[in-house]
Amino acid sequence: MSIQIEETFQVAVPIEAVWQFLLDPHRVVTCMPGAVLEEVVDARTFNGAVKIKLGAITTRYRGRVHLRDVDEQARRVCMVAEGRETGGGTAKGTVTAELRTLPDGQTEVVTSAEVDLTGRVMQVGRGMIQGVSSQLFGQFVTRTRQALEAPASDTLSEAPVADESVPLLRVILGVIWAPVAAFFHRLFARQTG
């Protein structure tokens, strides 16, 4: 199953600080729910693991992330990740992040990802996987903002460790509500237009 994810968020720090953060696997991994950095192979290749829990299904992938393209001028990075689940499933994906300076000095991060999944996680279906992806990305954004916007004396490692599980009820409601809300939005747009 192939999943497409596109997200944009802003961070209230200059672009250079965000760029340096994105290239530092030790800092990025602290913001990724359920992720662990196991080995820095070289400046662009990292081994690690990620655990994702969805209701009764918990999957753990071990694999490698490689920074395939790092464009310093364009402030754009493309990474390729491959992982294998302990139960035999796989996850392969390409993630691109591009940074832009906003007029107020903040930095906008535009991300896109394409992920191919096999294995037990497929049992929950595409809609649920999209919902979980959105939840995990939201946690990543929150932690990234905390790491970058907090004063230097505050560190993310001093903060309490959050529960890495994804709230199943909130994901289910989000997956169900999104198409319903879109339907009513289209319906009312036609009536007023």
N, C-alpha and C. Protein backbone atom coordinates (compact mmCIF):
# COMPACT_ATOMS: atom_id res chain seq x y z
N MET A 1 0.85 -1.18 0.00
CA MET A 1 0.00 0.00 0.00
C MET A 1 0.89 1.24 0.00
N SER A 2 0.59 2.16 -0.88
CA SER A 2 1.36 3.39 -0.97
C SER A 2 0.58 4.54 -0.33
N ILE A 3 1.25 5.28 0.54
CA ILE A 3 0.63 6.39 1.25
C ILE A 3 1.36 7.67 0.89
N GLN A 4 0.60 8.72 0.58
CA GLN A 4 1.18 10.03 0.29
C GLN A 4 0.89 10.95 1.47
N ILE A 5 1.89 11.69 1.90
CA ILE A 5 1.72 12.62 3.02
C ILE A 5 2.32 13.96 2.61
N GLU A 6 1.57 15.02 2.79
CA GLU A 6 2.08 16.36 2.52
C GLU A 6 1.69 17.25 3.70
N GLU A 7 2.66 17.90 4.29
CA GLU A 7 2.42 18.75 5.46
C GLU A 7 3.31 19.99 5.38
N THR A 8 2.79 21.08 5.93
CA THR A 8 3.54 22.33 6.01
C THR A 8 3.38 22.88 7.42
N PHE A 9 4.48 23.38 7.99
CA PHE A 9 4.39 24.01 9.31
C PHE A 9 5.42 25.12 9.42
N GLN A 10 5.24 25.99 10.41
CA GLN A 10 6.14 27.12 10.63
C GLN A 10 6.83 26.98 11.97
N VAL A 11 8.07 27.46 12.01
CA VAL A 11 8.85 27.47 13.24
C VAL A 11 9.36 28.90 13.43
N ALA A 12 9.24 29.42 14.65
CA ALA A 12 9.60 30.82 14.92
C ALA A 12 11.09 31.00 15.19
N VAL A 13 11.91 30.50 14.27
CA VAL A 13 13.37 30.69 14.33
C VAL A 13 13.88 30.89 12.91
N PRO A 14 15.07 31.48 12.76
CA PRO A 14 15.63 31.69 11.42
C PRO A 14 15.89 30.39 10.67
N ILE A 15 15.92 30.48 9.37
CA ILE A 15 16.06 29.31 8.50
C ILE A 15 17.33 28.51 8.78
N GLU A 16 18.43 29.18 9.09
CA GLU A 16 19.69 28.48 9.33
C GLU A 16 19.59 27.52 10.51
N ALA A 17 18.88 27.93 11.57
CA ALA A 17 18.72 27.06 12.74
C ALA A 17 17.91 25.81 12.39
N VAL A 18 16.88 25.97 11.58
CA VAL A 18 16.05 24.83 11.17
C VAL A 18 16.85 23.90 10.26
N TRP A 19 17.63 24.48 9.36
CA TRP A 19 18.45 23.69 8.44
C TRP A 19 19.46 22.83 9.22
N GLN A 20 20.15 23.43 10.17
CA GLN A 20 21.12 22.68 10.96
C GLN A 20 20.44 21.57 11.76
N PHE A 21 19.24 21.85 12.25
CA PHE A 21 18.47 20.85 12.98
C PHE A 21 18.15 19.65 12.08
N LEU A 22 17.66 19.91 10.85
CA LEU A 22 17.27 18.83 9.94
C LEU A 22 18.43 17.91 9.58
N LEU A 23 19.65 18.45 9.59
CA LEU A 23 20.82 17.65 9.22
C LEU A 23 21.45 16.93 10.40
N ASP A 24 20.91 17.10 11.59
CA ASP A 24 21.47 16.48 12.79
C ASP A 24 20.57 15.34 13.27
N PRO A 25 20.95 14.09 12.96
CA PRO A 25 20.06 12.97 13.32
C PRO A 25 19.85 12.83 14.82
N HIS A 26 20.83 13.24 15.63
CA HIS A 26 20.68 13.14 17.08
C HIS A 26 19.55 14.05 17.59
N ARG A 27 19.37 15.19 16.95
CA ARG A 27 18.30 16.11 17.36
C ARG A 27 16.96 15.72 16.74
N VAL A 28 16.96 15.34 15.48
CA VAL A 28 15.71 15.00 14.80
C VAL A 28 15.04 13.80 15.47
N VAL A 29 15.84 12.78 15.83
CA VAL A 29 15.25 11.56 16.39
C VAL A 29 14.54 11.82 17.71
N THR A 30 14.99 12.82 18.48
CA THR A 30 14.31 13.12 19.74
C THR A 30 12.90 13.67 19.52
N CYS A 31 12.63 14.13 18.31
CA CYS A 31 11.32 14.70 18.00
C CYS A 31 10.39 13.72 17.30
N MET A 32 10.91 12.57 16.90
CA MET A 32 10.12 11.59 16.17
C MET A 32 9.53 10.57 17.15
N PRO A 33 8.20 10.53 17.27
CA PRO A 33 7.57 9.59 18.21
C PRO A 33 7.98 8.15 17.94
N GLY A 34 8.47 7.48 18.98
CA GLY A 34 8.82 6.08 18.90
C GLY A 34 10.12 5.75 18.21
N ALA A 35 10.90 6.77 17.82
CA ALA A 35 12.13 6.52 17.05
C ALA A 35 13.36 6.48 17.95
N VAL A 36 14.34 5.65 17.53
CA VAL A 36 15.60 5.52 18.24
C VAL A 36 16.72 5.52 17.20
N LEU A 37 17.74 6.34 17.42
CA LEU A 37 18.93 6.34 16.57
C LEU A 37 19.90 5.31 17.13
N GLU A 38 20.25 4.30 16.31
CA GLU A 38 21.13 3.24 16.79
C GLU A 38 22.57 3.40 16.33
N GLU A 39 22.77 3.99 15.14
CA GLU A 39 24.13 4.12 14.62
C GLU A 39 24.19 5.21 13.56
N VAL A 40 25.24 6.03 13.64
CA VAL A 40 25.53 7.00 12.58
C VAL A 40 26.61 6.35 11.72
N VAL A 41 26.22 5.89 10.53
CA VAL A 41 27.15 5.21 9.64
C VAL A 41 28.14 6.20 9.05
N ASP A 42 27.61 7.31 8.54
CA ASP A 42 28.43 8.41 8.04
C ASP A 42 27.57 9.67 8.10
N ALA A 43 28.06 10.77 7.52
CA ALA A 43 27.36 12.05 7.63
C ALA A 43 25.97 12.04 7.01
N ARG A 44 25.69 11.06 6.15
CA ARG A 44 24.40 11.02 5.47
C ARG A 44 23.62 9.72 5.66
N THR A 45 24.12 8.80 6.45
CA THR A 45 23.48 7.50 6.58
C THR A 45 23.36 7.13 8.06
N PHE A 46 22.14 6.72 8.45
CA PHE A 46 21.84 6.44 9.86
C PHE A 46 21.01 5.18 9.98
N ASN A 47 21.32 4.38 10.99
CA ASN A 47 20.53 3.20 11.30
C ASN A 47 19.72 3.45 12.56
N GLY A 48 18.51 2.92 12.56
CA GLY A 48 17.68 3.13 13.73
C GLY A 48 16.45 2.26 13.72
N ALA A 49 15.54 2.57 14.63
CA ALA A 49 14.30 1.80 14.76
C ALA A 49 13.17 2.76 15.12
N VAL A 50 11.97 2.36 14.77
CA VAL A 50 10.79 3.13 15.14
C VAL A 50 9.67 2.16 15.51
N LYS A 51 8.97 2.49 16.59
CA LYS A 51 7.85 1.68 17.06
C LYS A 51 6.58 2.48 16.91
N ILE A 52 5.57 1.87 16.31
CA ILE A 52 4.29 2.53 16.11
C ILE A 52 3.21 1.63 16.71
N LYS A 53 2.39 2.21 17.58
CA LYS A 53 1.31 1.45 18.22
C LYS A 53 -0.03 2.02 17.77
N LEU A 54 -0.88 1.15 17.32
CA LEU A 54 -2.23 1.54 16.92
C LEU A 54 -3.20 0.52 17.49
N GLY A 55 -3.84 0.88 18.59
CA GLY A 55 -4.75 -0.06 19.24
C GLY A 55 -4.00 -1.31 19.65
N ALA A 56 -4.48 -2.47 19.16
CA ALA A 56 -3.86 -3.74 19.52
C ALA A 56 -2.63 -4.07 18.68
N ILE A 57 -2.41 -3.32 17.62
CA ILE A 57 -1.28 -3.61 16.73
C ILE A 57 -0.11 -2.70 17.07
N THR A 58 1.03 -3.31 17.38
CA THR A 58 2.27 -2.58 17.59
C THR A 58 3.28 -3.10 16.60
N THR A 59 3.84 -2.21 15.81
CA THR A 59 4.86 -2.62 14.85
C THR A 59 6.16 -1.91 15.18
N ARG A 60 7.25 -2.61 14.94
CA ARG A 60 8.57 -2.04 15.15
C ARG A 60 9.38 -2.30 13.90
N TYR A 61 9.87 -1.22 13.32
CA TYR A 61 10.69 -1.31 12.12
C TYR A 61 12.13 -0.96 12.46
N ARG A 62 13.06 -1.74 11.94
CA ARG A 62 14.49 -1.41 12.05
C ARG A 62 14.99 -1.21 10.64
N GLY A 63 15.80 -0.16 10.47
CA GLY A 63 16.26 0.09 9.12
C GLY A 63 17.25 1.22 9.03
N ARG A 64 17.28 1.82 7.85
CA ARG A 64 18.29 2.82 7.52
C ARG A 64 17.66 4.03 6.85
N VAL A 65 18.18 5.20 7.18
CA VAL A 65 17.80 6.45 6.52
C VAL A 65 19.05 7.00 5.85
N HIS A 66 18.90 7.38 4.59
CA HIS A 66 20.02 7.96 3.85
C HIS A 66 19.60 9.31 3.29
N LEU A 67 20.40 10.35 3.56
CA LEU A 67 20.14 11.67 2.97
C LEU A 67 20.64 11.63 1.53
N ARG A 68 19.73 11.41 0.61
CA ARG A 68 20.09 11.22 -0.80
C ARG A 68 20.52 12.51 -1.46
N ASP A 69 19.83 13.60 -1.12
CA ASP A 69 20.11 14.88 -1.76
C ASP A 69 20.06 15.97 -0.70
N VAL A 70 21.16 16.69 -0.53
CA VAL A 70 21.22 17.80 0.42
C VAL A 70 21.62 19.04 -0.38
N ASP A 71 20.67 19.93 -0.63
CA ASP A 71 20.91 21.13 -1.42
C ASP A 71 20.99 22.33 -0.48
N GLU A 72 22.21 22.72 -0.15
CA GLU A 72 22.46 23.82 0.80
C GLU A 72 21.86 25.13 0.30
N GLN A 73 22.01 25.43 -0.99
CA GLN A 73 21.51 26.69 -1.55
C GLN A 73 19.99 26.78 -1.50
N ALA A 74 19.33 25.71 -1.90
CA ALA A 74 17.86 25.71 -1.94
C ALA A 74 17.25 25.37 -0.59
N ARG A 75 18.10 24.98 0.39
CA ARG A 75 17.62 24.56 1.71
C ARG A 75 16.58 23.45 1.54
N ARG A 76 17.00 22.42 0.80
CA ARG A 76 16.12 21.29 0.49
C ARG A 76 16.88 20.00 0.77
N VAL A 77 16.22 19.07 1.44
CA VAL A 77 16.83 17.77 1.73
C VAL A 77 15.84 16.67 1.34
N CYS A 78 16.38 15.63 0.72
CA CYS A 78 15.57 14.47 0.34
C CYS A 78 16.20 13.26 0.99
N MET A 79 15.40 12.51 1.73
CA MET A 79 15.93 11.32 2.40
C MET A 79 15.14 10.09 2.00
N VAL A 80 15.84 8.97 1.95
CA VAL A 80 15.24 7.69 1.61
C VAL A 80 15.36 6.80 2.84
N ALA A 81 14.26 6.16 3.21
CA ALA A 81 14.25 5.30 4.39
C ALA A 81 13.74 3.92 4.01
N GLU A 82 14.35 2.90 4.59
CA GLU A 82 13.90 1.53 4.41
C GLU A 82 13.94 0.83 5.75
N GLY A 83 12.88 0.11 6.07
CA GLY A 83 12.84 -0.61 7.33
C GLY A 83 12.14 -1.93 7.19
N ARG A 84 12.49 -2.85 8.08
CA ARG A 84 11.85 -4.16 8.09
C ARG A 84 11.21 -4.37 9.45
N GLU A 85 9.96 -4.81 9.42
CA GLU A 85 9.21 -5.10 10.64
C GLU A 85 9.65 -6.46 11.18
N THR A 86 9.63 -6.61 12.50
CA THR A 86 10.02 -7.88 13.10
C THR A 86 9.13 -9.02 12.60
N GLY A 87 7.89 -8.72 12.23
CA GLY A 87 6.98 -9.75 11.73
C GLY A 87 7.10 -9.99 10.24
N GLY A 88 8.03 -9.33 9.56
CA GLY A 88 8.24 -9.57 8.13
C GLY A 88 7.77 -8.47 7.21
N GLY A 89 6.98 -7.52 7.69
CA GLY A 89 6.53 -6.43 6.84
C GLY A 89 7.66 -5.45 6.54
N THR A 90 7.42 -4.57 5.59
CA THR A 90 8.44 -3.59 5.22
C THR A 90 7.83 -2.19 5.13
N ALA A 91 8.69 -1.22 5.25
CA ALA A 91 8.31 0.18 5.03
C ALA A 91 9.45 0.81 4.23
N LYS A 92 9.10 1.41 3.10
CA LYS A 92 10.07 2.11 2.27
C LYS A 92 9.48 3.46 1.93
N GLY A 93 10.29 4.49 2.01
CA GLY A 93 9.74 5.80 1.72
C GLY A 93 10.78 6.83 1.34
N THR A 94 10.29 7.87 0.72
CA THR A 94 11.10 9.02 0.36
C THR A 94 10.44 10.24 0.98
N VAL A 95 11.23 11.02 1.70
CA VAL A 95 10.72 12.23 2.35
C VAL A 95 11.54 13.42 1.86
N THR A 96 10.85 14.47 1.45
CA THR A 96 11.51 15.70 1.02
C THR A 96 11.06 16.83 1.93
N ALA A 97 12.01 17.63 2.39
CA ALA A 97 11.70 18.81 3.19
C ALA A 97 12.38 20.01 2.57
N GLU A 98 11.62 21.07 2.40
CA GLU A 98 12.16 22.31 1.83
C GLU A 98 11.84 23.45 2.78
N LEU A 99 12.84 24.28 3.03
CA LEU A 99 12.68 25.40 3.97
C LEU A 99 12.54 26.71 3.21
N ARG A 100 11.69 27.59 3.74
CA ARG A 100 11.49 28.93 3.15
C ARG A 100 11.46 29.95 4.27
N THR A 101 12.09 31.09 4.04
CA THR A 101 12.03 32.18 5.01
C THR A 101 10.76 32.97 4.78
N LEU A 102 9.98 33.18 5.83
CA LEU A 102 8.75 33.96 5.75
C LEU A 102 9.07 35.43 6.00
N PRO A 103 8.20 36.35 5.58
CA PRO A 103 8.46 37.78 5.75
C PRO A 103 8.71 38.20 7.20
N ASP A 104 8.11 37.49 8.17
CA ASP A 104 8.29 37.87 9.57
C ASP A 104 9.53 37.23 10.21
N GLY A 105 10.36 36.55 9.39
CA GLY A 105 11.58 35.95 9.90
C GLY A 105 11.44 34.52 10.35
N GLN A 106 10.20 34.02 10.40
CA GLN A 106 9.99 32.62 10.74
C GLN A 106 10.40 31.74 9.56
N THR A 107 10.44 30.45 9.81
CA THR A 107 10.79 29.50 8.75
C THR A 107 9.60 28.59 8.48
N GLU A 108 9.28 28.42 7.21
CA GLU A 108 8.24 27.48 6.80
C GLU A 108 8.91 26.20 6.33
N VAL A 109 8.40 25.07 6.80
CA VAL A 109 8.91 23.76 6.41
C VAL A 109 7.83 23.06 5.59
N VAL A 110 8.14 22.78 4.33
CA VAL A 110 7.20 22.10 3.44
C VAL A 110 7.71 20.68 3.25
N THR A 111 6.92 19.70 3.65
CA THR A 111 7.34 18.30 3.55
C THR A 111 6.39 17.51 2.67
N SER A 112 6.95 16.54 2.01
CA SER A 112 6.14 15.57 1.26
C SER A 112 6.80 14.22 1.41
N ALA A 113 5.98 13.19 1.49
CA ALA A 113 6.51 11.84 1.66
C ALA A 113 5.65 10.86 0.88
N GLU A 114 6.32 9.85 0.39
CA GLU A 114 5.62 8.72 -0.22
C GLU A 114 6.16 7.48 0.46
N VAL A 115 5.26 6.71 1.07
CA VAL A 115 5.66 5.55 1.85
C VAL A 115 4.92 4.32 1.34
N ASP A 116 5.66 3.23 1.12
CA ASP A 116 5.07 1.95 0.73
C ASP A 116 5.17 1.01 1.93
N LEU A 117 4.03 0.43 2.31
CA LEU A 117 3.97 -0.44 3.49
C LEU A 117 3.48 -1.84 3.12
N THR A 118 4.05 -2.83 3.81
CA THR A 118 3.53 -4.19 3.74
C THR A 118 3.51 -4.73 5.18
N GLY A 119 2.79 -5.82 5.40
CA GLY A 119 2.81 -6.46 6.72
C GLY A 119 1.55 -6.21 7.54
N ARG A 120 1.67 -6.45 8.85
CA ARG A 120 0.52 -6.40 9.77
C ARG A 120 -0.18 -5.05 9.79
N VAL A 121 0.57 -3.97 9.64
CA VAL A 121 -0.03 -2.64 9.73
C VAL A 121 -1.10 -2.43 8.65
N MET A 122 -1.06 -3.23 7.58
CA MET A 122 -2.04 -3.11 6.50
C MET A 122 -3.45 -3.48 6.97
N GLN A 123 -3.55 -4.24 8.06
CA GLN A 123 -4.86 -4.68 8.56
C GLN A 123 -5.75 -3.51 8.94
N VAL A 124 -5.17 -2.39 9.32
CA VAL A 124 -5.99 -1.27 9.78
C VAL A 124 -6.55 -0.43 8.64
N GLY A 125 -6.02 -0.57 7.43
CA GLY A 125 -6.57 0.13 6.27
C GLY A 125 -5.93 1.49 6.03
N ARG A 126 -6.10 1.96 4.80
CA ARG A 126 -5.49 3.20 4.34
C ARG A 126 -5.93 4.42 5.15
N GLY A 127 -7.22 4.55 5.41
CA GLY A 127 -7.72 5.71 6.15
C GLY A 127 -7.13 5.81 7.54
N MET A 128 -7.04 4.67 8.22
CA MET A 128 -6.48 4.66 9.57
C MET A 128 -4.99 4.98 9.53
N ILE A 129 -4.28 4.44 8.54
CA ILE A 129 -2.84 4.72 8.42
C ILE A 129 -2.62 6.20 8.16
N GLN A 130 -3.45 6.80 7.30
CA GLN A 130 -3.34 8.25 7.05
C GLN A 130 -3.59 9.02 8.34
N GLY A 131 -4.59 8.59 9.11
CA GLY A 131 -4.89 9.26 10.37
C GLY A 131 -3.76 9.17 11.36
N VAL A 132 -3.16 7.98 11.47
CA VAL A 132 -2.03 7.80 12.37
C VAL A 132 -0.85 8.63 11.91
N SER A 133 -0.60 8.65 10.60
CA SER A 133 0.50 9.46 10.06
C SER A 133 0.33 10.92 10.42
N SER A 134 -0.90 11.41 10.30
CA SER A 134 -1.18 12.81 10.64
C SER A 134 -0.92 13.07 12.12
N GLN A 135 -1.35 12.13 12.99
CA GLN A 135 -1.14 12.29 14.43
C GLN A 135 0.36 12.30 14.76
N LEU A 136 1.11 11.36 14.18
CA LEU A 136 2.54 11.28 14.44
C LEU A 136 3.26 12.53 13.94
N PHE A 137 2.84 13.02 12.77
CA PHE A 137 3.47 14.23 12.24
C PHE A 137 3.17 15.41 13.15
N GLY A 138 1.95 15.48 13.67
CA GLY A 138 1.60 16.56 14.60
C GLY A 138 2.48 16.53 15.85
N GLN A 139 2.76 15.32 16.36
CA GLN A 139 3.65 15.20 17.51
C GLN A 139 5.07 15.63 17.15
N PHE A 140 5.51 15.26 15.94
CA PHE A 140 6.84 15.66 15.49
C PHE A 140 6.96 17.18 15.41
N VAL A 141 5.94 17.83 14.85
CA VAL A 141 5.95 19.30 14.72
C VAL A 141 6.01 19.95 16.10
N THR A 142 5.18 19.47 17.03
CA THR A 142 5.17 20.03 18.38
C THR A 142 6.54 19.92 19.03
N ARG A 143 7.15 18.74 18.94
CA ARG A 143 8.46 18.53 19.55
C ARG A 143 9.55 19.34 18.85
N THR A 144 9.44 19.47 17.53
CA THR A 144 10.43 20.25 16.79
C THR A 144 10.36 21.72 17.21
N ARG A 145 9.15 22.23 17.33
CA ARG A 145 9.00 23.62 17.78
C ARG A 145 9.58 23.80 19.18
N GLN A 146 9.30 22.84 20.07
CA GLN A 146 9.85 22.92 21.43
C GLN A 146 11.37 22.92 21.40
N ALA A 147 11.94 22.06 20.58
CA ALA A 147 13.41 21.94 20.51
C ALA A 147 14.05 23.20 19.95
N LEU A 148 13.42 23.81 18.96
CA LEU A 148 14.03 24.96 18.29
C LEU A 148 13.66 26.30 18.92
N GLU A 149 12.45 26.41 19.44
CA GLU A 149 12.00 27.71 19.94
C GLU A 149 12.27 27.91 21.43
N ALA A 150 12.56 26.84 22.17
CA ALA A 150 12.82 26.95 23.60
C ALA A 150 14.16 27.63 23.83
N PRO A 151 14.33 28.36 24.93
CA PRO A 151 15.63 28.94 25.25
C PRO A 151 16.69 27.86 25.34
N ALA A 152 17.94 28.22 25.12
CA ALA A 152 19.04 27.26 25.08
C ALA A 152 19.15 26.46 26.38
N SER A 153 18.73 27.04 27.51
CA SER A 153 18.85 26.32 28.78
C SER A 153 17.84 25.18 28.90
N ASP A 154 16.74 25.27 28.15
CA ASP A 154 15.75 24.20 28.16
C ASP A 154 16.12 23.18 27.09
N THR A 155 16.10 21.92 27.43
CA THR A 155 16.36 20.90 26.42
C THR A 155 15.19 19.95 26.39
N LEU A 156 14.96 19.38 25.23
CA LEU A 156 13.84 18.46 25.06
C LEU A 156 14.03 17.22 25.92
N SER A 157 15.28 16.82 26.16
CA SER A 157 15.50 15.61 26.94
C SER A 157 15.07 15.77 28.40
N GLU A 158 14.98 17.02 28.87
CA GLU A 158 14.55 17.24 30.23
C GLU A 158 13.03 17.20 30.37
N ALA A 159 12.33 17.27 29.25
CA ALA A 159 10.88 17.24 29.29
C ALA A 159 10.42 15.81 29.56
N PRO A 160 9.24 15.64 30.18
CA PRO A 160 8.74 14.29 30.42
C PRO A 160 8.54 13.56 29.10
N VAL A 161 8.81 12.29 29.07
CA VAL A 161 8.64 11.49 27.87
C VAL A 161 7.16 11.23 27.68
N ALA A 162 6.67 11.55 26.48
CA ALA A 162 5.25 11.37 26.20
C ALA A 162 4.96 9.92 25.84
N ASP A 163 3.71 9.52 26.04
CA ASP A 163 3.27 8.19 25.64
C ASP A 163 3.35 8.13 24.12
N GLU A 164 4.04 7.12 23.58
CA GLU A 164 4.25 7.02 22.14
C GLU A 164 3.05 6.43 21.41
N SER A 165 2.05 5.92 22.14
CA SER A 165 0.91 5.33 21.47
C SER A 165 0.03 6.44 20.89
N VAL A 166 -0.67 6.10 19.83
CA VAL A 166 -1.55 7.07 19.18
C VAL A 166 -2.96 6.84 19.70
N PRO A 167 -3.65 7.90 20.15
CA PRO A 167 -5.00 7.73 20.69
C PRO A 167 -5.95 7.19 19.62
N LEU A 168 -6.36 5.94 19.77
CA LEU A 168 -7.14 5.26 18.75
C LEU A 168 -8.48 5.95 18.49
N LEU A 169 -9.19 6.32 19.55
CA LEU A 169 -10.50 6.94 19.37
C LEU A 169 -10.38 8.25 18.59
N ARG A 170 -9.37 9.07 18.91
CA ARG A 170 -9.20 10.35 18.21
C ARG A 170 -8.90 10.11 16.73
N VAL A 171 -8.08 9.10 16.43
CA VAL A 171 -7.76 8.79 15.03
C VAL A 171 -9.00 8.31 14.29
N ILE A 172 -9.76 7.40 14.92
CA ILE A 172 -10.98 6.88 14.27
C ILE A 172 -11.94 8.02 13.99
N LEU A 173 -12.18 8.86 15.00
CA LEU A 173 -13.09 9.99 14.80
C LEU A 173 -12.59 10.93 13.72
N GLY A 174 -11.28 11.16 13.70
CA GLY A 174 -10.71 12.03 12.67
C GLY A 174 -10.88 11.45 11.28
N VAL A 175 -10.66 10.14 11.14
CA VAL A 175 -10.79 9.47 9.85
C VAL A 175 -12.25 9.50 9.39
N ILE A 176 -13.17 9.30 10.31
CA ILE A 176 -14.59 9.32 9.96
C ILE A 176 -15.07 10.75 9.70
N TRP A 177 -14.66 11.69 10.53
CA TRP A 177 -15.17 13.05 10.45
C TRP A 177 -14.67 13.80 9.22
N ALA A 178 -13.45 13.57 8.78
CA ALA A 178 -12.87 14.33 7.67
C ALA A 178 -13.75 14.27 6.41
N PRO A 179 -14.18 13.07 5.93
CA PRO A 179 -15.03 13.05 4.74
C PRO A 179 -16.41 13.65 4.97
N VAL A 180 -16.94 13.49 6.19
CA VAL A 180 -18.26 14.07 6.51
C VAL A 180 -18.17 15.59 6.46
N ALA A 181 -17.14 16.15 7.08
CA ALA A 181 -16.96 17.60 7.08
C ALA A 181 -16.76 18.11 5.65
N ALA A 182 -15.98 17.37 4.84
CA ALA A 182 -15.74 17.78 3.45
C ALA A 182 -17.05 17.76 2.66
N PHE A 183 -17.90 16.76 2.89
CA PHE A 183 -19.18 16.67 2.21
C PHE A 183 -20.04 17.89 2.52
N PHE A 184 -20.18 18.22 3.82
CA PHE A 184 -21.00 19.37 4.20
C PHE A 184 -20.40 20.68 3.69
N HIS A 185 -19.09 20.77 3.66
CA HIS A 185 -18.45 21.97 3.13
C HIS A 185 -18.81 22.15 1.64
N ARG A 186 -18.73 21.05 0.87
CA ARG A 186 -19.08 21.12 -0.55
C ARG A 186 -20.57 21.44 -0.72
N LEU A 187 -21.42 20.82 0.10
CA LEU A 187 -22.86 21.02 0.01
C LEU A 187 -23.22 22.50 0.25
N PHE A 188 -22.67 23.07 1.34
CA PHE A 188 -22.98 24.47 1.64
C PHE A 188 -22.34 25.43 0.65
N ALA A 189 -21.21 25.07 0.11
CA ALA A 189 -20.56 25.92 -0.90
C ALA A 189 -21.41 26.01 -2.16
N ARG A 190 -22.06 24.88 -2.54
CA ARG A 190 -22.94 24.88 -3.71
C ARG A 190 -24.19 25.71 -3.48
N GLN A 191 -24.74 25.63 -2.25
CA GLN A 191 -25.97 26.36 -1.94
C GLN A 191 -25.74 27.87 -1.93
N THR A 192 -24.57 28.30 -1.46
CA THR A 192 -24.31 29.74 -1.38
C THR A 192 -23.74 30.29 -2.68
N GLY A 193 -23.22 29.43 -3.53
CA GLY A 193 -22.54 29.89 -4.75
C GLY A 193 -23.40 29.88 -5.94
